């Protein structure tokens, strides 16, 4: 626990001091250019991957970087409300859906019934990615590692499609006022692959 307190002290005397003017400028307002939707995985650090400063990214993180399809509801909708705020209030220009290698959420799609009893809420959330599991299952992939990365990448594309069920996102996207990107982050190499809609494949960002 002490390392967390030490980290705050180091931030105050180091990083904050270095960017003090920036923090003063954004102290009362924010104008992020990008909504970054990523996995809650501790190994995925949006600002580190994109080399962005505070104030540039509006970040949503959840299990398996999932975007629920649009629906109007009186329930408490965390991810949906954050997307709404980013697009309608902050007027971001870009939305990135970033998945990654060795995603525990994607792996949990194939969990056996006994293990599933331990994480019922997680598996309920992952029902939002059931189409991904069905697509991968139909491919009948024998190699577990290949199934893993195919699942992770198809999940990114699925969530990009979910974004377009939001009427206000679809409208801006069609007008060219909003970019929707899909990224696949390979943790062990640091490589990031961008989804090319025309070719339906991920291409390394170089």
Protein backbone atom coordinates (compact mmCIF):
# COMPACT_ATOMS: atom_id res chain seq x y z
CA UNK A 1 0.00 0.00 0.00
CA UNK A 2 2.82 2.41 0.81
CA UNK A 3 3.93 2.42 -2.82
CA UNK A 4 0.62 4.08 -3.73
CA UNK A 5 1.23 6.94 -1.28
CA UNK A 6 4.81 7.24 -2.47
CA UNK A 7 3.53 7.44 -6.01
CA UNK A 8 1.29 10.40 -5.15
CA UNK A 9 4.23 12.22 -3.57
CA UNK A 10 6.39 11.55 -6.62
CA UNK A 11 3.61 12.78 -8.90
CA UNK A 12 3.27 16.03 -6.94
CA UNK A 13 6.98 16.74 -7.04
CA UNK A 14 7.67 15.37 -10.51
CA UNK A 15 5.06 14.95 -13.24
CA UNK A 16 2.65 17.56 -11.86
CA UNK A 17 5.42 20.11 -11.46
CA UNK A 18 6.61 19.44 -15.00
CA UNK A 19 3.13 20.00 -16.44
CA UNK A 20 1.85 22.51 -13.89
CA UNK A 21 0.82 25.07 -16.51
CA UNK A 22 -1.22 22.43 -18.35
CA UNK A 23 -3.02 21.40 -15.15
CA UNK A 24 -3.83 25.04 -14.44
CA UNK A 25 -5.29 25.43 -17.94
CA UNK A 26 -7.51 22.36 -17.67
CA UNK A 27 -8.39 22.86 -14.01
CA UNK A 28 -11.90 24.17 -14.80
CA UNK A 29 -12.68 22.62 -18.17
CA UNK A 30 -11.82 19.74 -20.46
CA UNK A 31 -11.76 19.47 -24.24
CA UNK A 32 -10.68 15.91 -25.08
CA UNK A 33 -10.37 15.08 -28.76
CA UNK A 34 -10.88 11.34 -28.34
CA UNK A 35 -13.13 8.91 -26.50
CA UNK A 36 -11.02 5.86 -25.66
CA UNK A 37 -13.04 2.72 -24.87
CA UNK A 38 -10.71 0.10 -23.47
CA UNK A 39 -10.57 -2.95 -21.27
CA UNK A 40 -10.18 -2.62 -17.50
CA UNK A 41 -7.09 -4.86 -17.72
CA UNK A 42 -4.27 -3.41 -15.61
CA UNK A 43 -1.80 -3.84 -18.48
CA UNK A 44 -3.68 -1.49 -20.79
CA UNK A 45 -2.76 2.16 -20.09
CA UNK A 46 -4.44 4.49 -22.63
CA UNK A 47 -2.30 7.59 -22.11
CA UNK A 48 0.89 5.53 -22.18
CA UNK A 49 -0.07 3.77 -25.40
CA UNK A 50 -1.11 6.98 -27.17
CA UNK A 51 1.47 9.31 -25.57
CA UNK A 52 -1.28 11.76 -24.68
CA UNK A 53 -1.43 14.28 -21.84
CA UNK A 54 -4.20 14.88 -19.28
CA UNK A 55 -7.18 16.48 -20.96
CA UNK A 56 -6.78 14.73 -24.33
CA UNK A 57 -8.59 11.43 -23.73
CA UNK A 58 -12.02 10.78 -22.24
CA UNK A 59 -11.69 7.18 -21.09
CA UNK A 60 -14.21 4.39 -20.55
CA UNK A 61 -12.93 1.08 -19.26
CA UNK A 62 -14.84 -2.12 -18.60
CA UNK A 63 -14.51 -5.87 -18.94
CA UNK A 64 -13.56 -6.71 -22.56
CA UNK A 65 -13.98 -3.13 -23.88
CA UNK A 66 -17.68 -3.69 -24.54
CA UNK A 67 -20.18 -1.18 -25.91
CA UNK A 68 -23.80 -2.05 -25.11
CA UNK A 69 -26.12 -1.52 -28.07
CA UNK A 70 -28.14 1.67 -27.81
CA UNK A 71 -31.39 1.57 -25.90
CA UNK A 72 -33.44 4.07 -23.95
CA UNK A 73 -33.91 3.03 -20.35
CA UNK A 74 -34.65 4.25 -16.84
CA UNK A 75 -31.87 2.01 -15.53
CA UNK A 76 -28.42 3.22 -14.52
CA UNK A 77 -26.35 2.85 -17.70
CA UNK A 78 -22.70 3.56 -16.98
CA UNK A 79 -21.00 2.95 -20.33
CA UNK A 80 -23.92 4.33 -22.34
CA UNK A 81 -24.09 7.54 -20.31
CA UNK A 82 -20.33 8.08 -20.61
CA UNK A 83 -20.51 7.67 -24.40
CA UNK A 84 -23.43 10.09 -24.51
CA UNK A 85 -21.52 12.69 -22.50
CA UNK A 86 -18.36 12.34 -24.59
CA UNK A 87 -20.14 12.72 -27.92
CA UNK A 88 -22.94 15.15 -27.08
CA UNK A 89 -21.34 17.37 -24.44
CA UNK A 90 -17.59 17.12 -25.00
CA UNK A 91 -18.01 16.78 -28.77
CA UNK A 92 -15.08 14.42 -29.28
CA UNK A 93 -13.80 13.95 -32.83
CA UNK A 94 -12.68 10.34 -32.47
CA UNK A 95 -13.81 7.15 -30.76
CA UNK A 96 -11.29 4.34 -30.31
CA UNK A 97 -12.36 0.85 -29.28
CA UNK A 98 -9.16 -0.75 -28.03
CA UNK A 99 -8.95 -4.47 -27.38
CA UNK A 100 -5.81 -6.34 -26.43
CA UNK A 101 -3.99 -9.66 -26.34
CA UNK A 102 -4.57 -12.18 -23.56
CA UNK A 103 -7.93 -10.59 -22.67
CA UNK A 104 -9.42 -12.34 -19.66
CA UNK A 105 -12.90 -11.10 -20.53
CA UNK A 106 -12.78 -12.61 -24.00
CA UNK A 107 -11.38 -15.85 -22.60
CA UNK A 108 -14.26 -15.97 -20.11
CA UNK A 109 -16.68 -16.34 -23.01
CA UNK A 110 -15.58 -19.98 -23.17
CA UNK A 111 -15.59 -20.64 -19.42
CA UNK A 112 -17.03 -23.93 -18.20
CA UNK A 113 -20.18 -23.95 -16.06
CA UNK A 114 -18.38 -24.74 -12.80
CA UNK A 115 -16.02 -21.77 -13.12
CA UNK A 116 -18.86 -19.52 -14.24
CA UNK A 117 -20.52 -19.78 -10.84
CA UNK A 118 -17.70 -17.69 -9.37
CA UNK A 119 -18.27 -14.64 -11.60
CA UNK A 120 -21.99 -14.42 -12.45
CA UNK A 121 -22.01 -10.64 -12.94
CA UNK A 122 -19.03 -10.77 -15.28
CA UNK A 123 -20.65 -13.42 -17.42
CA UNK A 124 -23.91 -11.49 -17.51
CA UNK A 125 -21.97 -8.50 -18.85
CA UNK A 126 -20.26 -10.70 -21.43
CA UNK A 127 -23.62 -11.67 -22.89
CA UNK A 128 -23.19 -8.41 -24.79
CA UNK A 129 -20.46 -10.18 -26.76
CA UNK A 130 -22.41 -13.38 -27.44
CA UNK A 131 -22.37 -12.73 -31.19
CA UNK A 132 -18.58 -12.81 -31.09
CA UNK A 133 -18.54 -16.21 -29.41
CA UNK A 134 -21.03 -17.57 -31.93
CA UNK A 135 -18.96 -16.34 -34.89
CA UNK A 136 -15.74 -17.81 -33.51
CA UNK A 137 -17.41 -21.12 -32.62
CA UNK A 138 -18.60 -21.50 -36.20
CA UNK A 139 -14.99 -21.17 -37.38
CA UNK A 140 -14.08 -24.33 -35.40
CA UNK A 141 -10.59 -23.13 -34.50
CA UNK A 142 -8.55 -25.92 -32.88
CA UNK A 143 -5.57 -23.87 -31.67
CA UNK A 144 -6.45 -22.11 -28.35
CA UNK A 145 -4.08 -19.22 -29.03
CA UNK A 146 -5.52 -18.62 -32.48
CA UNK A 147 -9.04 -18.73 -31.06
CA UNK A 148 -7.94 -16.20 -28.45
CA UNK A 149 -6.71 -13.53 -30.84
CA UNK A 150 -9.53 -14.12 -33.32
CA UNK A 151 -12.04 -13.61 -30.50
CA UNK A 152 -10.31 -10.45 -29.30
CA UNK A 153 -10.19 -8.92 -32.75
CA UNK A 154 -13.75 -9.86 -33.73
CA UNK A 155 -14.89 -8.39 -30.42
CA UNK A 156 -13.35 -5.03 -31.35
CA UNK A 157 -15.25 -5.01 -34.65
CA UNK A 158 -18.47 -6.05 -32.90
CA UNK A 159 -18.22 -3.16 -30.45
CA UNK A 160 -17.50 -0.72 -33.29
CA UNK A 161 -20.75 -1.89 -34.85
CA UNK A 162 -22.55 -1.42 -31.54
CA UNK A 163 -21.46 2.22 -31.52
CA UNK A 164 -23.35 2.77 -34.76
CA UNK A 165 -26.61 1.74 -33.07
CA UNK A 166 -26.43 5.08 -31.22
CA UNK A 167 -28.45 7.44 -33.46
CA UNK A 168 -26.36 10.52 -32.71
CA UNK A 169 -23.12 8.61 -33.36
CA UNK A 170 -24.37 7.14 -36.62
CA UNK A 171 -25.42 10.62 -37.79
CA UNK A 172 -22.05 12.19 -37.02
CA UNK A 173 -20.17 9.24 -38.51
CA UNK A 174 -22.14 9.42 -41.77
CA UNK A 175 -21.45 13.15 -42.01
CA UNK A 176 -17.72 12.62 -41.48
CA UNK A 177 -17.81 14.53 -38.21
CA UNK A 178 -16.74 11.55 -36.08
CA UNK A 179 -14.08 8.90 -36.64
CA UNK A 180 -14.57 5.39 -35.23
CA UNK A 181 -11.37 3.37 -34.88
CA UNK A 182 -10.68 -0.17 -33.75
CA UNK A 183 -7.30 -0.93 -32.21
CA UNK A 184 -5.74 -4.22 -31.17
CA UNK A 185 -2.92 -3.83 -28.63
CA UNK A 186 -0.35 -6.62 -28.38
CA UNK A 187 0.90 -6.36 -24.81
CA UNK A 188 4.14 -8.33 -25.09
CA UNK A 189 5.46 -6.33 -28.05
CA UNK A 190 3.80 -2.94 -27.60
CA UNK A 191 2.47 -3.10 -31.17
CA UNK A 192 -0.91 -1.58 -32.00
CA UNK A 193 -2.95 -2.68 -35.02
CA UNK A 194 -5.64 -0.48 -36.58
CA UNK A 195 -8.73 -2.00 -38.16
CA UNK A 196 -9.10 -1.24 -41.87
CA UNK A 197 -12.81 -1.30 -42.72
CA UNK A 198 -12.30 -1.67 -46.46
CA UNK A 199 -10.05 -4.72 -46.17
CA UNK A 200 -11.62 -6.04 -42.95
CA UNK A 201 -8.26 -6.62 -41.32
CA UNK A 202 -5.99 -5.16 -38.66
CA UNK A 203 -2.85 -3.40 -39.89
CA UNK A 204 0.09 -2.48 -37.70
CA UNK A 205 0.43 1.24 -36.97
CA UNK A 206 3.94 2.24 -38.11
